[in-house]
C-alpha atoms as a PDB file:
ATOM      1  CA  MET A   1      26.609 -17.049  11.707  1.00  0.00           C
ATOM      2  CA  ILE A   2      25.133 -15.697   8.556  1.00  0.00           C
ATOM      3  CA  LYS A   3      26.595 -16.695   5.165  1.00  0.00           C
ATOM      4  CA  THR A   4      24.154 -16.120   2.536  1.00  0.00           C
ATOM      5  CA  ILE A   5      21.638 -12.884   2.458  1.00  0.00           C
ATOM      6  CA  ILE A   6      18.587 -13.804   0.450  1.00  0.00           C
ATOM      7  CA  PHE A   7      16.818 -10.440  -0.795  1.00  0.00           C
ATOM      8  CA  ASP A   8      13.450  -9.709  -2.275  1.00  0.00           C
ATOM      9  CA  LEU A   9      13.334  -7.679  -5.493  1.00  0.00           C
ATOM     10  CA  GLY A  10      10.387  -5.242  -5.134  1.00  0.00           C
ATOM     11  CA  GLY A  11       9.859  -3.480  -1.773  1.00  0.00           C
ATOM     12  CA  VAL A  12      13.701  -4.064  -0.906  1.00  0.00           C
ATOM     13  CA  ILE A  13      16.127  -3.556  -3.777  1.00  0.00           C
ATOM     14  CA  LEU A  14      13.182  -1.443  -5.599  1.00  0.00           C
ATOM     15  CA  THR A  15      10.513   0.521  -4.308  1.00  0.00           C
ATOM     16  CA  LEU A  16       7.193  -0.534  -5.400  1.00  0.00           C
ATOM     17  CA  ASP A  17       4.516   1.444  -6.358  1.00  0.00           C
ATOM     18  CA  GLN A  18       1.309  -0.640  -7.070  1.00  0.00           C
ATOM     19  CA  PRO A  19      -1.244   1.924  -7.567  1.00  0.00           C
ATOM     20  CA  GLN A  20       0.755   2.955 -10.527  1.00  0.00           C
ATOM     21  CA  ALA A  21       0.714  -0.636 -11.931  1.00  0.00           C
ATOM     22  CA  ILE A  22      -2.719  -0.577 -11.752  1.00  0.00           C
ATOM     23  CA  SER A  23      -3.151   3.102 -13.137  1.00  0.00           C
ATOM     24  CA  ARG A  24      -0.831   2.022 -16.295  1.00  0.00           C
ATOM     25  CA  PHE A  25      -3.087  -1.309 -16.717  1.00  0.00           C
ATOM     26  CA  LYS A  26      -6.246   0.719 -16.434  1.00  0.00           C
ATOM     27  CA  GLN A  27      -4.813   3.054 -19.002  1.00  0.00           C
ATOM     28  CA  LEU A  28      -4.499   0.028 -21.423  1.00  0.00           C
ATOM     29  CA  GLY A  29      -8.042  -0.945 -20.837  1.00  0.00           C
ATOM     30  CA  ILE A  30      -8.330  -3.350 -18.178  1.00  0.00           C
ATOM     31  CA  ALA A  31     -10.811  -1.720 -16.274  1.00  0.00           C
ATOM     32  CA  ASP A  32     -10.522  -4.060 -13.111  1.00  0.00           C
ATOM     33  CA  ALA A  33      -6.916  -3.930 -12.704  1.00  0.00           C
ATOM     34  CA  LEU A  34      -7.141  -3.179  -8.887  1.00  0.00           C
ATOM     35  CA  LEU A  35      -9.007  -6.571  -8.186  1.00  0.00           C
ATOM     36  CA  ARG A  36      -6.334  -8.287 -10.377  1.00  0.00           C
ATOM     37  CA  LEU A  37      -2.989  -6.932  -9.111  1.00  0.00           C
ATOM     38  CA  ASP A  38      -1.433  -7.603  -5.765  1.00  0.00           C
ATOM     39  CA  PRO A  39       1.744  -6.004  -3.980  1.00  0.00           C
ATOM     40  CA  TYR A  40       3.138  -9.775  -3.336  1.00  0.00           C
ATOM     41  CA  LYS A  41       1.583 -12.252  -5.144  1.00  0.00           C
ATOM     42  CA  GLN A  42      -0.766 -11.969  -8.172  1.00  0.00           C
ATOM     43  CA  GLY A  43      -3.536 -13.988  -9.390  1.00  0.00           C
ATOM     44  CA  GLY A  44      -5.571 -14.998 -12.577  1.00  0.00           C
ATOM     45  CA  ILE A  45      -3.172 -14.148 -15.840  1.00  0.00           C
ATOM     46  CA  PHE A  46      -0.790 -12.168 -13.877  1.00  0.00           C
ATOM     47  CA  GLY A  47      -0.309 -14.790 -11.298  1.00  0.00           C
ATOM     48  CA  ALA A  48      -0.054 -17.609 -14.147  1.00  0.00           C
ATOM     49  CA  LEU A  49       2.638 -15.374 -15.628  1.00  0.00           C
ATOM     50  CA  GLU A  50       4.581 -14.836 -12.599  1.00  0.00           C
ATOM     51  CA  GLU A  51       4.671 -18.476 -11.597  1.00  0.00           C
ATOM     52  CA  GLY A  52       5.725 -19.675 -15.150  1.00  0.00           C
ATOM     53  CA  ARG A  53       2.220 -21.536 -16.052  1.00  0.00           C
ATOM     54  CA  ILE A  54       2.080 -19.038 -19.435  1.00  0.00           C
ATOM     55  CA  ASP A  55       4.702 -17.019 -21.045  1.00  0.00           C
ATOM     56  CA  ALA A  56       4.783 -13.495 -21.824  1.00  0.00           C
ATOM     57  CA  GLU A  57       3.250 -13.741 -25.352  1.00  0.00           C
ATOM     58  CA  ALA A  58       0.226 -15.765 -24.060  1.00  0.00           C
ATOM     59  CA  PHE A  59       0.130 -13.081 -21.053  1.00  0.00           C
ATOM     60  CA  ARG A  60      -0.173 -10.631 -24.019  1.00  0.00           C
ATOM     61  CA  ARG A  61      -3.073 -12.012 -25.579  1.00  0.00           C
ATOM     62  CA  GLU A  62      -4.787 -12.983 -22.655  1.00  0.00           C
ATOM     63  CA  ALA A  63      -4.536  -9.253 -21.528  1.00  0.00           C
ATOM     64  CA  SER A  64      -5.630  -8.174 -24.898  1.00  0.00           C
ATOM     65  CA  GLN A  65      -8.979  -9.906 -24.410  1.00  0.00           C
ATOM     66  CA  LEU A  66      -9.207  -8.276 -20.946  1.00  0.00           C
ATOM     67  CA  ALA A  67      -8.365  -5.078 -22.533  1.00  0.00           C
ATOM     68  CA  GLY A  68     -10.975  -5.514 -25.657  1.00  0.00           C
ATOM     69  CA  ARG A  69      -8.242  -4.526 -28.153  1.00  0.00           C
ATOM     70  CA  GLU A  70      -4.689  -6.036 -29.235  1.00  0.00           C
ATOM     71  CA  LEU A  71      -1.981  -4.888 -26.710  1.00  0.00           C
ATOM     72  CA  THR A  72       1.491  -4.961 -27.649  1.00  0.00           C
ATOM     73  CA  ALA A  73       4.427  -6.481 -25.829  1.00  0.00           C
ATOM     74  CA  ASP A  74       6.001  -2.944 -25.180  1.00  0.00           C
ATOM     75  CA  GLU A  75       2.429  -1.990 -23.683  1.00  0.00           C
ATOM     76  CA  CYS A  76       2.442  -4.621 -21.479  1.00  0.00           C
ATOM     77  CA  ARG A  77       6.053  -4.210 -20.276  1.00  0.00           C
ATOM     78  CA  TRP A  78       5.184  -0.417 -19.683  1.00  0.00           C
ATOM     79  CA  ALA A  79       2.331  -1.201 -17.268  1.00  0.00           C
ATOM     80  CA  TRP A  80       4.271  -3.903 -15.648  1.00  0.00           C
ATOM     81  CA  LEU A  81       7.158  -1.478 -14.747  1.00  0.00           C
ATOM     82  CA  GLY A  82       4.537   0.641 -13.078  1.00  0.00           C
ATOM     83  CA  TYR A  83       5.816  -1.200 -10.165  1.00  0.00           C
ATOM     84  CA  ALA A  84       9.217   0.196 -10.126  1.00  0.00           C
ATOM     85  CA  LYS A  85       9.069   3.556  -8.530  1.00  0.00           C
ATOM     86  CA  GLU A  86      12.936   4.194  -7.911  1.00  0.00           C
ATOM     87  CA  VAL A  87      16.100   1.799  -7.135  1.00  0.00           C
ATOM     88  CA  PRO A  88      17.760   3.901  -4.105  1.00  0.00           C
ATOM     89  CA  GLN A  89      21.650   4.183  -4.827  1.00  0.00           C
ATOM     90  CA  ARG A  90      22.031   3.379  -1.082  1.00  0.00           C
ATOM     91  CA  ASN A  91      20.646  -0.105  -1.602  1.00  0.00           C
ATOM     92  CA  LEU A  92      23.002  -0.929  -4.553  1.00  0.00           C
ATOM     93  CA  ASP A  93      25.949   0.537  -2.500  1.00  0.00           C
ATOM     94  CA  VAL A  94      25.096  -1.353   0.366  1.00  0.00           C
ATOM     95  CA  LEU A  95      24.805  -4.757  -1.929  1.00  0.00           C
ATOM     96  CA  GLN A  96      28.150  -4.202  -3.155  1.00  0.00           C
ATOM     97  CA  GLN A  97      29.655  -3.650   0.489  1.00  0.00           C
ATOM     98  CA  LEU A  98      27.937  -6.678   1.729  1.00  0.00           C
ATOM     99  CA  ARG A  99      29.573  -8.704  -1.035  1.00  0.00           C
ATOM    100  CA  ARG A 100      33.091  -7.051  -0.259  1.00  0.00           C
ATOM    101  CA  GLN A 101      32.599  -8.286   3.447  1.00  0.00           C
ATOM    102  CA  GLY A 102      32.412 -11.941   1.926  1.00  0.00           C
ATOM    103  CA  TYR A 103      28.398 -12.328   2.061  1.00  0.00           C
ATOM    104  CA  ARG A 104      26.985 -14.334  -0.445  1.00  0.00           C
ATOM    105  CA  LEU A 105      23.775 -12.538  -1.790  1.00  0.00           C
ATOM    106  CA  VAL A 106      20.840 -14.025  -3.812  1.00  0.00           C
ATOM    107  CA  LEU A 107      17.692 -12.754  -5.253  1.00  0.00           C
ATOM    108  CA  LEU A 108      14.482 -14.814  -4.137  1.00  0.00           C
ATOM    109  CA  SER A 109      11.375 -13.105  -6.189  1.00  0.00           C
ATOM    110  CA  ASN A 110       7.985 -13.538  -7.357  1.00  0.00           C
ATOM    111  CA  THR A 111       8.494 -11.544 -10.476  1.00  0.00           C
ATOM    112  CA  ASN A 112       7.858 -12.176 -14.491  1.00  0.00           C
ATOM    113  CA  PRO A 113      10.061 -11.711 -17.611  1.00  0.00           C
ATOM    114  CA  TYR A 114       8.733  -8.334 -18.668  1.00  0.00           C
ATOM    115  CA  MET A 115       9.769  -6.906 -15.228  1.00  0.00           C
ATOM    116  CA  MET A 116      13.159  -8.917 -15.678  1.00  0.00           C
ATOM    117  CA  SER A 117      13.621  -7.546 -19.126  1.00  0.00           C
ATOM    118  CA  TRP A 118      14.277  -4.024 -17.118  1.00  0.00           C
ATOM    119  CA  VAL A 119      16.040  -5.582 -14.273  1.00  0.00           C
ATOM    120  CA  MET A 120      18.463  -7.441 -15.885  1.00  0.00           C
ATOM    121  CA  SER A 121      19.252  -4.634 -18.358  1.00  0.00           C
ATOM    122  CA  PRO A 122      21.796  -1.640 -18.467  1.00  0.00           C
ATOM    123  CA  GLU A 123      19.028   0.811 -17.597  1.00  0.00           C
ATOM    124  CA  PHE A 124      18.467  -0.746 -14.342  1.00  0.00           C
ATOM    125  CA  ASP A 125      20.937   1.025 -12.173  1.00  0.00           C
ATOM    126  CA  GLY A 126      21.683   4.071 -14.594  1.00  0.00           C
ATOM    127  CA  GLN A 127      24.984   3.146 -14.574  1.00  0.00           C
ATOM    128  CA  GLY A 128      24.926   0.515 -17.487  1.00  0.00           C
ATOM    129  CA  HIS A 129      24.686  -2.655 -15.065  1.00  0.00           C
ATOM    130  CA  GLY A 130      21.634  -4.988 -14.242  1.00  0.00           C
ATOM    131  CA  LEU A 131      20.927  -6.357 -10.935  1.00  0.00           C
ATOM    132  CA  ASP A 132      23.016  -9.728 -11.741  1.00  0.00           C
ATOM    133  CA  HIS A 133      25.913  -7.116 -11.385  1.00  0.00           C
ATOM    134  CA  TYR A 134      25.116  -6.983  -7.775  1.00  0.00           C
ATOM    135  CA  LEU A 135      24.004 -10.481  -6.673  1.00  0.00           C
ATOM    136  CA  ASP A 136      25.832 -13.873  -7.096  1.00  0.00           C
ATOM    137  CA  ALA A 137      22.626 -15.664  -7.922  1.00  0.00           C
ATOM    138  CA  CYS A 138      18.931 -14.839  -9.078  1.00  0.00           C
ATOM    139  CA  TYR A 139      16.311 -17.202  -8.396  1.00  0.00           C
ATOM    140  CA  LEU A 140      12.766 -16.296 -10.087  1.00  0.00           C
ATOM    141  CA  SER A 141       9.142 -17.466  -9.628  1.00  0.00           C
ATOM    142  CA  TYR A 142       8.426 -17.825 -13.291  1.00  0.00           C
ATOM    143  CA  LYS A 143      11.455 -19.833 -13.902  1.00  0.00           C
ATOM    144  CA  LEU A 144      11.333 -22.081 -11.266  1.00  0.00           C
ATOM    145  CA  GLY A 145       7.421 -22.451 -11.595  1.00  0.00           C
ATOM    146  CA  VAL A 146       7.022 -21.817  -7.822  1.00  0.00           C
ATOM    147  CA  MET A 147       6.239 -18.612  -5.891  1.00  0.00           C
ATOM    148  CA  LYS A 148       6.445 -17.247  -2.310  1.00  0.00           C
ATOM    149  CA  PRO A 149       5.214 -17.896   0.305  1.00  0.00           C
ATOM    150  CA  SER A 150       5.431 -21.589  -0.786  1.00  0.00           C
ATOM    151  CA  ALA A 151       8.012 -23.328   0.914  1.00  0.00           C
ATOM    152  CA  GLU A 152       9.061 -25.271  -1.888  1.00  0.00           C
ATOM    153  CA  PHE A 153      10.492 -22.097  -3.534  1.00  0.00           C
ATOM    154  CA  PHE A 154      12.625 -21.456  -0.109  1.00  0.00           C
ATOM    155  CA  ASP A 155      13.473 -25.248  -0.104  1.00  0.00           C
ATOM    156  CA  ARG A 156      14.688 -25.398  -3.726  1.00  0.00           C
ATOM    157  CA  VAL A 157      17.034 -21.922  -3.255  1.00  0.00           C
ATOM    158  CA  LEU A 158      18.755 -23.573  -0.123  1.00  0.00           C
ATOM    159  CA  ALA A 159      19.355 -26.489  -2.119  1.00  0.00           C
ATOM    160  CA  ALA A 160      20.946 -25.086  -5.100  1.00  0.00           C
ATOM    161  CA  GLU A 161      22.624 -22.752  -2.960  1.00  0.00           C
ATOM    162  CA  GLN A 162      23.847 -25.756  -0.508  1.00  0.00           C
ATOM    163  CA  ALA A 163      23.003 -23.559   2.430  1.00  0.00           C
ATOM    164  CA  GLN A 164      21.994 -24.139   5.882  1.00  0.00           C
ATOM    165  CA  PRO A 165      18.826 -22.500   6.950  1.00  0.00           C
ATOM    166  CA  ASP A 166      20.477 -21.008   9.989  1.00  0.00           C
ATOM    167  CA  GLU A 167      23.372 -19.550   7.923  1.00  0.00           C
ATOM    168  CA  CYS A 168      20.749 -17.607   5.801  1.00  0.00           C
ATOM    169  CA  LEU A 169      19.106 -13.970   6.484  1.00  0.00           C
ATOM    170  CA  PHE A 170      16.168 -13.214   4.475  1.00  0.00           C
ATOM    171  CA  VAL A 171      15.005  -9.975   3.767  1.00  0.00           C
ATOM    172  CA  ASP A 172      11.577  -9.390   2.141  1.00  0.00           C
ATOM    173  CA  ASP A 173       8.775  -6.705   3.004  1.00  0.00           C
ATOM    174  CA  GLY A 174       5.844  -9.276   2.851  1.00  0.00           C
ATOM    175  CA  GLN A 175       4.965 -10.658   6.311  1.00  0.00           C
ATOM    176  CA  PRO A 176       3.504 -13.710   5.071  1.00  0.00           C
ATOM    177  CA  ASN A 177       6.842 -14.553   2.851  1.00  0.00           C
ATOM    178  CA  VAL A 178       9.127 -13.837   5.765  1.00  0.00           C
ATOM    179  CA  ASP A 179       7.006 -16.147   8.062  1.00  0.00           C
ATOM    180  CA  ALA A 180       7.173 -19.017   5.748  1.00  0.00           C
ATOM    181  CA  ALA A 181      10.715 -18.694   5.834  1.00  0.00           C
ATOM    182  CA  ALA A 182      11.268 -18.366   9.766  1.00  0.00           C
ATOM    183  CA  ARG A 183       9.266 -21.625   9.550  1.00  0.00           C
ATOM    184  CA  LEU A 184      12.241 -23.424   7.781  1.00  0.00           C
ATOM    185  CA  GLY A 185      14.751 -21.869  10.396  1.00  0.00           C
ATOM    186  CA  ILE A 186      15.797 -19.113   8.030  1.00  0.00           C
ATOM    187  CA  HIS A 187      16.555 -15.732   9.759  1.00  0.00           C
ATOM    188  CA  THR A 188      14.405 -12.822   8.716  1.00  0.00           C
ATOM    189  CA  TYR A 189      13.936  -9.093   8.381  1.00  0.00           C
ATOM    190  CA  CYS A 190      11.085  -7.374   7.121  1.00  0.00           C
ATOM    191  CA  PRO A 191      11.339  -3.791   6.332  1.00  0.00           C
ATOM    192  CA  ALA A 192       8.621  -1.763   4.879  1.00  0.00           C
ATOM    193  CA  ASN A 193       8.523  -1.131   1.248  1.00  0.00           C
ATOM    194  CA  GLY A 194      10.767   1.561   0.471  1.00  0.00           C
ATOM    195  CA  GLN A 195      11.837   1.658   4.157  1.00  0.00           C
ATOM    196  CA  ASP A 196      15.920   2.561   4.122  1.00  0.00           C
ATOM    197  CA  TRP A 197      17.232  -0.867   5.751  1.00  0.00           C
ATOM    198  CA  THR A 198      20.751  -0.379   4.696  1.00  0.00           C
ATOM    199  CA  SER A 199      21.933   0.525   8.391  1.00  0.00           C
ATOM    200  CA  GLU A 200      19.490  -1.684  10.375  1.00  0.00           C
ATOM    201  CA  ILE A 201      20.586  -4.961   8.292  1.00  0.00           C
ATOM    202  CA  TYR A 202      23.657  -4.710   9.869  1.00  0.00           C
ATOM    203  CA  GLU A 203      22.129  -4.901  13.372  1.00  0.00           C
ATOM    204  CA  TYR A 204      20.589  -8.031  12.336  1.00  0.00           C
ATOM    205  CA  LEU A 205      23.599  -9.419  11.186  1.00  0.00           C
ATOM    206  CA  ASN A 206      25.668  -8.393  14.485  1.00  0.00           C
ATOM    207  CA  GLU A 207      22.623  -9.945  16.432  1.00  0.00           C
ATOM    208  CA  ILE A 208      22.824 -13.251  14.591  1.00  0.00           C
END
């Protein structure tokens, strides 16, 4: 029986737009942004930021060197938010419905402080609520110092939640991430980025 549903952020709760993020970083002067940005796990200074090895200010300084000019924190935030294409209302409605039905909902995300400054703000849902309004707990790569698909990330979430793997469903649009979770005995569902998963998730829950 599933008691806890673990959600990814980008590609599941919100729809990702990697080309837009690449375009914005290029506009800031980072010409090779395409080589530096990934839909699921970042490398270089982008990965260092999401893994918590550097903070937002250090990222701004490093990005300024790549751009060949001084970038502001707002410019960096604007570029990162290029990833956020939309937050479908249907997703938020189902999160609320699942909580009313007694499921514990948690976030497990590779992300960074620039993205989360918006995700946790009243601007996130357009109704004055941040994502934390819809979830019971959030586990973020840059705060924990570990990234998916590392088994350590999942182990730490399970330990913090005092949850058994076979009582959890993990929803993520990245196949390497769901494969890592499955190896730990967690039930998984891998919708495509932007796919309407709000009905199909119940099929998974009912089957399990």
